Protein backbone atom coordinates (compact mmCIF):
# COMPACT_ATOMS: atom_id res chain seq x y z
CA UNK A 1 0.00 0.00 0.00
CA UNK A 2 1.31 3.46 -0.89
CA UNK A 3 1.46 5.37 2.40
CA UNK A 4 2.98 8.67 1.20
CA UNK A 5 4.81 10.09 -1.80
CA UNK A 6 6.57 13.12 -3.20
CA UNK A 7 8.71 13.84 -6.24
CA UNK A 8 11.87 15.62 -7.25
CA UNK A 9 13.11 16.74 -10.71
CA UNK A 10 16.64 15.32 -10.84
CA UNK A 11 18.42 17.68 -13.22
CA UNK A 12 22.06 17.23 -12.20
CA UNK A 13 22.44 14.53 -14.85
CA UNK A 14 21.66 14.80 -18.57
CA UNK A 15 19.00 14.07 -19.49
CA UNK A 16 17.19 15.00 -16.30
CA UNK A 17 14.47 12.74 -14.98
CA UNK A 18 11.74 12.64 -12.37
CA UNK A 19 12.25 10.77 -9.12
CA UNK A 20 9.25 9.59 -7.12
CA UNK A 21 9.79 8.83 -3.43
CA UNK A 22 7.33 6.22 -2.15
CA UNK A 23 6.78 5.08 1.40
CA UNK A 24 5.08 1.70 1.26
CA UNK A 25 3.28 -0.22 3.97
CA UNK A 26 3.24 -4.00 4.18
CA UNK A 27 0.40 -6.16 5.46
CA UNK A 28 1.94 -7.42 8.71
CA UNK A 29 4.83 -5.88 10.58
CA UNK A 30 5.25 -3.03 8.14
CA UNK A 31 8.63 -4.24 6.82
CA UNK A 32 8.20 -4.35 3.07
CA UNK A 33 11.81 -4.90 1.99
CA UNK A 34 11.31 -8.64 1.45
CA UNK A 35 7.99 -8.04 -0.30
CA UNK A 36 9.27 -5.72 -3.04
CA UNK A 37 9.32 -7.47 -6.41
CA UNK A 38 11.72 -5.80 -8.85
CA UNK A 39 9.64 -6.68 -11.93
CA UNK A 40 6.47 -5.27 -10.39
CA UNK A 41 8.28 -2.10 -9.29
CA UNK A 42 9.75 -1.55 -12.75
CA UNK A 43 6.26 -2.05 -14.21
CA UNK A 44 5.02 0.60 -11.75
CA UNK A 45 7.51 3.02 -13.32
CA UNK A 46 6.06 2.23 -16.73
CA UNK A 47 2.45 2.64 -15.60
CA UNK A 48 3.23 5.99 -13.96
CA UNK A 49 4.97 7.22 -17.12
CA UNK A 50 2.01 6.18 -19.27
CA UNK A 51 -0.28 8.20 -16.99
CA UNK A 52 1.69 11.42 -17.49
CA UNK A 53 0.58 13.94 -20.09
CA UNK A 54 1.23 13.68 -23.83
CA UNK A 55 3.87 16.41 -23.82
CA UNK A 56 5.95 14.53 -21.22
CA UNK A 57 5.66 11.30 -23.21
CA UNK A 58 6.67 13.11 -26.43
CA UNK A 59 9.82 14.63 -24.89
CA UNK A 60 10.68 11.35 -23.19
CA UNK A 61 10.08 9.01 -26.18
CA UNK A 62 10.60 11.03 -29.33
CA UNK A 63 13.29 13.53 -28.31
CA UNK A 64 14.98 11.70 -25.41
CA UNK A 65 15.27 14.97 -23.50
CA UNK A 66 13.74 13.45 -20.35
CA UNK A 67 15.32 10.39 -18.78
CA UNK A 68 13.53 7.35 -17.42
CA UNK A 69 11.26 7.88 -14.44
CA UNK A 70 12.72 6.53 -11.21
CA UNK A 71 10.95 5.26 -8.10
CA UNK A 72 12.87 5.30 -4.83
CA UNK A 73 11.30 3.38 -1.97
CA UNK A 74 12.01 4.85 1.46
CA UNK A 75 11.91 3.36 4.95
CA UNK A 76 8.76 3.40 7.08
CA UNK A 77 8.52 6.69 8.98
CA UNK A 78 10.44 8.73 6.41
CA UNK A 79 7.54 11.06 5.74
CA UNK A 80 7.09 11.58 9.49
CA UNK A 81 10.75 12.65 9.59
CA UNK A 82 10.11 14.93 6.61
CA UNK A 83 7.20 16.53 8.48
CA UNK A 84 9.41 17.01 11.56
CA UNK A 85 12.02 18.71 9.38
CA UNK A 86 9.48 21.18 7.94
CA UNK A 87 7.96 21.89 11.36
CA UNK A 88 11.46 22.62 12.70
CA UNK A 89 11.76 25.10 9.81
CA UNK A 90 8.58 26.90 10.95
CA UNK A 91 5.73 25.04 9.23
CA UNK A 92 2.48 24.80 11.18
CA UNK A 93 1.83 21.29 12.52
CA UNK A 94 -1.93 21.83 12.18
CA UNK A 95 -1.71 22.81 8.51
CA UNK A 96 1.18 20.65 7.34
CA UNK A 97 0.74 18.70 4.12
CA UNK A 98 3.47 16.67 2.47
CA UNK A 99 4.80 18.69 -0.47
CA UNK A 100 4.13 16.96 -3.78
CA UNK A 101 7.41 18.29 -5.16
CA UNK A 102 10.58 18.73 -3.08
CA UNK A 103 12.70 21.81 -3.74
CA UNK A 104 14.76 22.05 -0.55
CA UNK A 105 18.12 20.27 -0.63
CA UNK A 106 17.87 19.67 3.12
CA UNK A 107 14.44 18.06 2.77
CA UNK A 108 15.77 15.98 -0.12
CA UNK A 109 18.56 14.79 2.16
CA UNK A 110 15.95 13.55 4.68
CA UNK A 111 14.50 11.38 1.90
CA UNK A 112 17.82 10.27 0.38
CA UNK A 113 19.18 9.08 3.73
CA UNK A 114 16.28 6.63 3.99
CA UNK A 115 16.14 5.15 0.45
CA UNK A 116 16.00 1.35 0.54
CA UNK A 117 15.41 0.54 -3.15
CA UNK A 118 15.61 2.23 -6.57
CA UNK A 119 13.75 1.27 -9.73
CA UNK A 120 14.01 2.50 -13.35
CA UNK A 121 12.39 1.46 -16.57
CA UNK A 122 15.24 -0.15 -18.43
CA UNK A 123 14.23 0.11 -22.09
CA UNK A 124 10.49 0.68 -22.38
CA UNK A 125 9.40 4.10 -23.63
CA UNK A 126 5.94 5.56 -23.01
CA UNK A 127 3.39 5.64 -25.82
CA UNK A 128 3.31 8.90 -27.80
CA UNK A 129 -0.10 10.15 -28.93
CA UNK A 130 -0.39 11.17 -32.57
CA UNK A 131 -2.34 14.25 -31.52
CA UNK A 132 -1.30 16.70 -28.85
CA UNK A 133 -3.27 19.49 -27.27
CA UNK A 134 -1.44 22.73 -28.13
CA UNK A 135 -2.79 26.15 -27.19
CA UNK A 136 -6.25 24.77 -26.60
CA UNK A 137 -6.46 22.98 -29.95
CA UNK A 138 -5.37 19.66 -31.39
CA UNK A 139 -2.21 19.55 -33.47
CA UNK A 140 -0.55 16.61 -35.13
CA UNK A 141 2.94 15.91 -33.79
CA UNK A 142 3.95 14.90 -37.32
CA UNK A 143 3.29 18.32 -38.87
């Protein structure tokens, strides 16, 4: 079960790529490390990429200017630690929500220090639609 998530645009390498941080919960004692199936996790990367918009898929598949999506699984309690970090920085505990995109290098360090697994799509590219929505209208990507 996906307990919490956030993302980060990793642009220090070329091409840049998106990194999703997932905190997963197992059925019993909460330890999911032995339950993670590499093939299933790589397929998750593919499914997430397919769900992104047509422009992302075009730049990823046709132009290669976006690298493969990566999922990094973090330890149980990581997002609690992330909340504690933001509260220590002045965030309100009563109004705190996990950021959907991490910009702070210190917050990113909280996540990175607790990564237990990393998954990429090895060679599968997302489907590219033949029509894209551009400026409110439909335009062929082949024109």
